[in-house]
């Protein structure tokens, strides 16, 4: 039985994006338009799939994704249908553990996976990620802390990192006044 992938396009402050889902969960969030290259990437990951456009059916999901992109809304947890090599899946799981407003390096992720000399392979796994922002490869920076390449553009990566950093409350301010007063 063939899998059905439903997709739709939406607009965010960082440009248009396409999201696709299977019956199991979100399979793709990519900045840009649905084109032959994206179709080919989906077909490589889901060779048995039939792909159909479904803007009306995905309206609620698209709204949640726009909030995630535009407002760094990290309270939303998405069901995912992620496919990749064991190494890629490991990298993507570590990426999902990086708190919003924080960054890490390719080498730190490699070390966390027990393969400290495979920072370049971590970068390749980040580049293979089809779930922009949801699997936050934008939170990975070079060893010196500088922003390096991002498949969807360095401008977007910088904007996402800055937006998330601004959205994080500072300890002892406003939201934590009671906790600060009790110490």
C-alpha atoms as a PDB file:
ATOM      1  CA  UNK A   1       0.000   0.000   0.000  1.00  0.00           C
ATOM      2  CA  UNK A   2       1.413   3.398  -1.024  1.00  0.00           C
ATOM      3  CA  UNK A   3       1.968   6.145   1.509  1.00  0.00           C
ATOM      4  CA  UNK A   4       0.214   9.431   0.803  1.00  0.00           C
ATOM      5  CA  UNK A   5       2.199  12.604   1.428  1.00  0.00           C
ATOM      6  CA  UNK A   6       0.104  15.755   1.660  1.00  0.00           C
ATOM      7  CA  UNK A   7       1.837  19.087   1.159  1.00  0.00           C
ATOM      8  CA  UNK A   8       1.039  22.789   1.154  1.00  0.00           C
ATOM      9  CA  UNK A   9       2.808  26.126   0.908  1.00  0.00           C
ATOM     10  CA  UNK A  10       2.686  29.004   3.393  1.00  0.00           C
ATOM     11  CA  UNK A  11       4.335  32.379   3.984  1.00  0.00           C
ATOM     12  CA  UNK A  12       6.475  33.317   6.975  1.00  0.00           C
ATOM     13  CA  UNK A  13       8.565  36.354   7.838  1.00  0.00           C
ATOM     14  CA  UNK A  14      11.567  34.442   6.469  1.00  0.00           C
ATOM     15  CA  UNK A  15       9.909  33.651   3.155  1.00  0.00           C
ATOM     16  CA  UNK A  16       7.655  30.992   1.731  1.00  0.00           C
ATOM     17  CA  UNK A  17       7.969  27.378   2.813  1.00  0.00           C
ATOM     18  CA  UNK A  18       6.478  24.017   1.947  1.00  0.00           C
ATOM     19  CA  UNK A  19       5.402  21.475   4.551  1.00  0.00           C
ATOM     20  CA  UNK A  20       4.538  17.840   3.888  1.00  0.00           C
ATOM     21  CA  UNK A  21       3.049  15.162   6.131  1.00  0.00           C
ATOM     22  CA  UNK A  22       2.423  11.445   6.073  1.00  0.00           C
ATOM     23  CA  UNK A  23      -0.129   9.620   8.207  1.00  0.00           C
ATOM     24  CA  UNK A  24       2.622   9.284  10.849  1.00  0.00           C
ATOM     25  CA  UNK A  25       3.682  12.928  11.014  1.00  0.00           C
ATOM     26  CA  UNK A  26       5.584  15.817   9.517  1.00  0.00           C
ATOM     27  CA  UNK A  27       8.106  14.739   6.867  1.00  0.00           C
ATOM     28  CA  UNK A  28       9.273  18.034   5.402  1.00  0.00           C
ATOM     29  CA  UNK A  29       9.503  21.762   6.114  1.00  0.00           C
ATOM     30  CA  UNK A  30      11.623  23.455   3.456  1.00  0.00           C
ATOM     31  CA  UNK A  31      11.952  27.132   2.619  1.00  0.00           C
ATOM     32  CA  UNK A  32      11.044  27.827  -1.009  1.00  0.00           C
ATOM     33  CA  UNK A  33       8.456  26.409  -3.377  1.00  0.00           C
ATOM     34  CA  UNK A  34       7.494  22.852  -4.220  1.00  0.00           C
ATOM     35  CA  UNK A  35       9.620  22.149  -7.270  1.00  0.00           C
ATOM     36  CA  UNK A  36      11.157  19.160  -9.012  1.00  0.00           C
ATOM     37  CA  UNK A  37      14.187  19.148  -6.691  1.00  0.00           C
ATOM     38  CA  UNK A  38      11.950  18.942  -3.590  1.00  0.00           C
ATOM     39  CA  UNK A  39       9.798  16.283  -5.216  1.00  0.00           C
ATOM     40  CA  UNK A  40      12.934  14.265  -5.966  1.00  0.00           C
ATOM     41  CA  UNK A  41      14.143  14.573  -2.348  1.00  0.00           C
ATOM     42  CA  UNK A  42      10.755  13.403  -1.072  1.00  0.00           C
ATOM     43  CA  UNK A  43      10.750  10.521  -3.559  1.00  0.00           C
ATOM     44  CA  UNK A  44      14.229   9.461  -2.392  1.00  0.00           C
ATOM     45  CA  UNK A  45      13.091   9.324   1.249  1.00  0.00           C
ATOM     46  CA  UNK A  46       9.600   7.994   0.502  1.00  0.00           C
ATOM     47  CA  UNK A  47       9.930   5.989  -2.732  1.00  0.00           C
ATOM     48  CA  UNK A  48       6.491   4.376  -2.364  1.00  0.00           C
ATOM     49  CA  UNK A  49       4.672   7.663  -1.718  1.00  0.00           C
ATOM     50  CA  UNK A  50       2.010   9.451  -3.689  1.00  0.00           C
ATOM     51  CA  UNK A  51       2.249  13.233  -3.229  1.00  0.00           C
ATOM     52  CA  UNK A  52      -0.830  15.466  -3.288  1.00  0.00           C
ATOM     53  CA  UNK A  53      -1.382  19.151  -2.561  1.00  0.00           C
ATOM     54  CA  UNK A  54      -3.738  19.780   0.375  1.00  0.00           C
ATOM     55  CA  UNK A  55      -3.702  23.424   1.475  1.00  0.00           C
ATOM     56  CA  UNK A  56      -7.099  23.217   3.194  1.00  0.00           C
ATOM     57  CA  UNK A  57      -6.295  20.040   5.105  1.00  0.00           C
ATOM     58  CA  UNK A  58      -2.934  21.336   6.338  1.00  0.00           C
ATOM     59  CA  UNK A  59      -4.109  24.852   7.264  1.00  0.00           C
ATOM     60  CA  UNK A  60      -3.810  24.292  11.041  1.00  0.00           C
ATOM     61  CA  UNK A  61      -0.369  22.706  10.730  1.00  0.00           C
ATOM     62  CA  UNK A  62       0.844  25.561   8.544  1.00  0.00           C
ATOM     63  CA  UNK A  63      -0.359  28.091  11.140  1.00  0.00           C
ATOM     64  CA  UNK A  64       1.623  26.278  13.846  1.00  0.00           C
ATOM     65  CA  UNK A  65       4.725  26.227  11.642  1.00  0.00           C
ATOM     66  CA  UNK A  66       4.419  29.951  10.871  1.00  0.00           C
ATOM     67  CA  UNK A  67       4.280  30.628  14.648  1.00  0.00           C
ATOM     68  CA  UNK A  68       7.365  28.463  15.161  1.00  0.00           C
ATOM     69  CA  UNK A  69       9.286  30.326  12.459  1.00  0.00           C
ATOM     70  CA  UNK A  70       8.037  33.862  13.144  1.00  0.00           C
ATOM     71  CA  UNK A  71       7.776  33.881  16.920  1.00  0.00           C
ATOM     72  CA  UNK A  72      10.254  31.208  17.979  1.00  0.00           C
ATOM     73  CA  UNK A  73       7.277  29.449  19.566  1.00  0.00           C
ATOM     74  CA  UNK A  74       9.004  26.413  21.062  1.00  0.00           C
ATOM     75  CA  UNK A  75       6.005  25.098  22.977  1.00  0.00           C
ATOM     76  CA  UNK A  76       4.665  23.178  19.993  1.00  0.00           C
ATOM     77  CA  UNK A  77       5.625  19.535  19.615  1.00  0.00           C
ATOM     78  CA  UNK A  78       5.087  18.035  16.195  1.00  0.00           C
ATOM     79  CA  UNK A  79       4.555  14.377  15.364  1.00  0.00           C
ATOM     80  CA  UNK A  80       7.392  13.505  12.988  1.00  0.00           C
ATOM     81  CA  UNK A  81       7.971  10.859  10.339  1.00  0.00           C
ATOM     82  CA  UNK A  82      11.739  11.199   9.964  1.00  0.00           C
ATOM     83  CA  UNK A  83      13.762   8.963   7.683  1.00  0.00           C
ATOM     84  CA  UNK A  84      17.515   8.837   7.277  1.00  0.00           C
ATOM     85  CA  UNK A  85      20.597   6.797   8.117  1.00  0.00           C
ATOM     86  CA  UNK A  86      21.214   5.781  11.727  1.00  0.00           C
ATOM     87  CA  UNK A  87      23.886   8.484  11.967  1.00  0.00           C
ATOM     88  CA  UNK A  88      21.565  11.171  10.563  1.00  0.00           C
ATOM     89  CA  UNK A  89      18.781  10.150  12.936  1.00  0.00           C
ATOM     90  CA  UNK A  90      21.223  10.394  15.857  1.00  0.00           C
ATOM     91  CA  UNK A  91      22.361  13.874  14.810  1.00  0.00           C
ATOM     92  CA  UNK A  92      18.787  15.056  14.340  1.00  0.00           C
ATOM     93  CA  UNK A  93      17.806  13.766  17.778  1.00  0.00           C
ATOM     94  CA  UNK A  94      20.685  15.704  19.362  1.00  0.00           C
ATOM     95  CA  UNK A  95      19.626  18.812  17.415  1.00  0.00           C
ATOM     96  CA  UNK A  96      16.123  18.572  18.878  1.00  0.00           C
ATOM     97  CA  UNK A  97      17.652  18.633  22.376  1.00  0.00           C
ATOM     98  CA  UNK A  98      19.372  22.010  21.864  1.00  0.00           C
ATOM     99  CA  UNK A  99      17.272  24.614  23.704  1.00  0.00           C
ATOM    100  CA  UNK A 100      15.973  27.584  21.756  1.00  0.00           C
ATOM    101  CA  UNK A 101      18.268  30.558  22.173  1.00  0.00           C
ATOM    102  CA  UNK A 102      21.355  28.353  22.459  1.00  0.00           C
ATOM    103  CA  UNK A 103      23.868  27.155  19.896  1.00  0.00           C
ATOM    104  CA  UNK A 104      26.364  24.327  19.763  1.00  0.00           C
ATOM    105  CA  UNK A 105      29.133  23.284  17.391  1.00  0.00           C
ATOM    106  CA  UNK A 106      29.409  20.460  14.902  1.00  0.00           C
ATOM    107  CA  UNK A 107      32.264  19.038  17.001  1.00  0.00           C
ATOM    108  CA  UNK A 108      30.213  19.130  20.209  1.00  0.00           C
ATOM    109  CA  UNK A 109      27.443  17.159  18.523  1.00  0.00           C
ATOM    110  CA  UNK A 110      29.975  14.635  17.191  1.00  0.00           C
ATOM    111  CA  UNK A 111      31.431  14.251  20.700  1.00  0.00           C
ATOM    112  CA  UNK A 112      27.963  13.796  22.184  1.00  0.00           C
ATOM    113  CA  UNK A 113      27.389  10.977  19.686  1.00  0.00           C
ATOM    114  CA  UNK A 114      30.697   9.362  20.689  1.00  0.00           C
ATOM    115  CA  UNK A 115      32.430  10.133  17.379  1.00  0.00           C
ATOM    116  CA  UNK A 116      34.428  13.294  18.142  1.00  0.00           C
ATOM    117  CA  UNK A 117      36.338  13.231  14.841  1.00  0.00           C
ATOM    118  CA  UNK A 118      33.216  13.259  12.686  1.00  0.00           C
ATOM    119  CA  UNK A 119      32.254  16.939  12.853  1.00  0.00           C
ATOM    120  CA  UNK A 120      32.203  17.122   9.041  1.00  0.00           C
ATOM    121  CA  UNK A 121      29.754  14.197   8.924  1.00  0.00           C
ATOM    122  CA  UNK A 122      27.557  16.045  11.453  1.00  0.00           C
ATOM    123  CA  UNK A 123      27.519  18.963   9.009  1.00  0.00           C
ATOM    124  CA  UNK A 124      26.469  16.600   6.214  1.00  0.00           C
ATOM    125  CA  UNK A 125      23.642  15.230   8.386  1.00  0.00           C
ATOM    126  CA  UNK A 126      22.508  18.802   9.078  1.00  0.00           C
ATOM    127  CA  UNK A 127      22.486  19.466   5.330  1.00  0.00           C
ATOM    128  CA  UNK A 128      20.344  16.340   4.790  1.00  0.00           C
ATOM    129  CA  UNK A 129      17.723  17.553   7.291  1.00  0.00           C
ATOM    130  CA  UNK A 130      14.363  18.094   5.574  1.00  0.00           C
ATOM    131  CA  UNK A 131      12.661  19.641   8.615  1.00  0.00           C
ATOM    132  CA  UNK A 132      13.863  23.250   8.720  1.00  0.00           C
ATOM    133  CA  UNK A 133      13.383  24.876  12.144  1.00  0.00           C
ATOM    134  CA  UNK A 134      11.543  21.811  13.538  1.00  0.00           C
ATOM    135  CA  UNK A 135      14.859  19.902  13.622  1.00  0.00           C
ATOM    136  CA  UNK A 136      16.891  23.005  14.443  1.00  0.00           C
ATOM    137  CA  UNK A 137      20.103  22.616  12.474  1.00  0.00           C
ATOM    138  CA  UNK A 138      20.252  26.430  12.457  1.00  0.00           C
ATOM    139  CA  UNK A 139      21.459  26.201  16.086  1.00  0.00           C
ATOM    140  CA  UNK A 140      24.786  24.679  15.003  1.00  0.00           C
ATOM    141  CA  UNK A 141      27.736  27.021  14.504  1.00  0.00           C
ATOM    142  CA  UNK A 142      31.428  26.701  13.731  1.00  0.00           C
ATOM    143  CA  UNK A 143      33.979  25.986  16.439  1.00  0.00           C
ATOM    144  CA  UNK A 144      34.824  29.709  16.716  1.00  0.00           C
ATOM    145  CA  UNK A 145      31.130  30.572  17.201  1.00  0.00           C
ATOM    146  CA  UNK A 146      30.682  32.091  13.765  1.00  0.00           C
ATOM    147  CA  UNK A 147      27.705  31.280  11.601  1.00  0.00           C
ATOM    148  CA  UNK A 148      28.472  28.898   8.782  1.00  0.00           C
ATOM    149  CA  UNK A 149      26.457  27.653   5.844  1.00  0.00           C
ATOM    150  CA  UNK A 150      22.779  26.850   6.050  1.00  0.00           C
ATOM    151  CA  UNK A 151      20.975  25.133   3.229  1.00  0.00           C
ATOM    152  CA  UNK A 152      18.191  27.719   3.392  1.00  0.00           C
ATOM    153  CA  UNK A 153      20.580  30.690   3.537  1.00  0.00           C
ATOM    154  CA  UNK A 154      22.871  32.225   6.132  1.00  0.00           C
ATOM    155  CA  UNK A 155      20.530  35.246   6.409  1.00  0.00           C
ATOM    156  CA  UNK A 156      17.725  32.942   7.605  1.00  0.00           C
ATOM    157  CA  UNK A 157      20.057  31.111   9.984  1.00  0.00           C
ATOM    158  CA  UNK A 158      21.238  34.356  11.567  1.00  0.00           C
ATOM    159  CA  UNK A 159      17.655  35.643  11.849  1.00  0.00           C
ATOM    160  CA  UNK A 160      16.482  32.429  13.532  1.00  0.00           C
ATOM    161  CA  UNK A 161      19.370  32.414  16.026  1.00  0.00           C
ATOM    162  CA  UNK A 162      18.846  36.104  16.892  1.00  0.00           C
ATOM    163  CA  UNK A 163      15.066  35.713  17.150  1.00  0.00           C
ATOM    164  CA  UNK A 164      15.360  32.731  19.502  1.00  0.00           C
ATOM    165  CA  UNK A 165      17.959  34.487  21.656  1.00  0.00           C
ATOM    166  CA  UNK A 166      15.676  37.527  22.049  1.00  0.00           C
ATOM    167  CA  UNK A 167      12.688  35.335  22.931  1.00  0.00           C
ATOM    168  CA  UNK A 168      14.399  33.651  25.875  1.00  0.00           C
ATOM    169  CA  UNK A 169      13.665  35.242  29.281  1.00  0.00           C
ATOM    170  CA  UNK A 170      16.610  36.484  31.282  1.00  0.00           C
ATOM    171  CA  UNK A 171      16.965  34.809  34.707  1.00  0.00           C
ATOM    172  CA  UNK A 172      15.539  36.888  37.521  1.00  0.00           C
ATOM    173  CA  UNK A 173      13.538  39.196  35.262  1.00  0.00           C
ATOM    174  CA  UNK A 174       9.759  39.450  35.036  1.00  0.00           C
ATOM    175  CA  UNK A 175       8.735  35.793  34.664  1.00  0.00           C
ATOM    176  CA  UNK A 176      11.002  34.675  37.494  1.00  0.00           C
ATOM    177  CA  UNK A 177      10.398  37.451  40.070  1.00  0.00           C
ATOM    178  CA  UNK A 178       8.851  35.140  42.695  1.00  0.00           C
ATOM    179  CA  UNK A 179      11.670  32.677  42.359  1.00  0.00           C
ATOM    180  CA  UNK A 180      14.242  35.494  42.602  1.00  0.00           C
ATOM    181  CA  UNK A 181      12.462  37.044  45.633  1.00  0.00           C
ATOM    182  CA  UNK A 182      12.376  33.764  47.545  1.00  0.00           C
ATOM    183  CA  UNK A 183      16.146  33.325  47.422  1.00  0.00           C
END
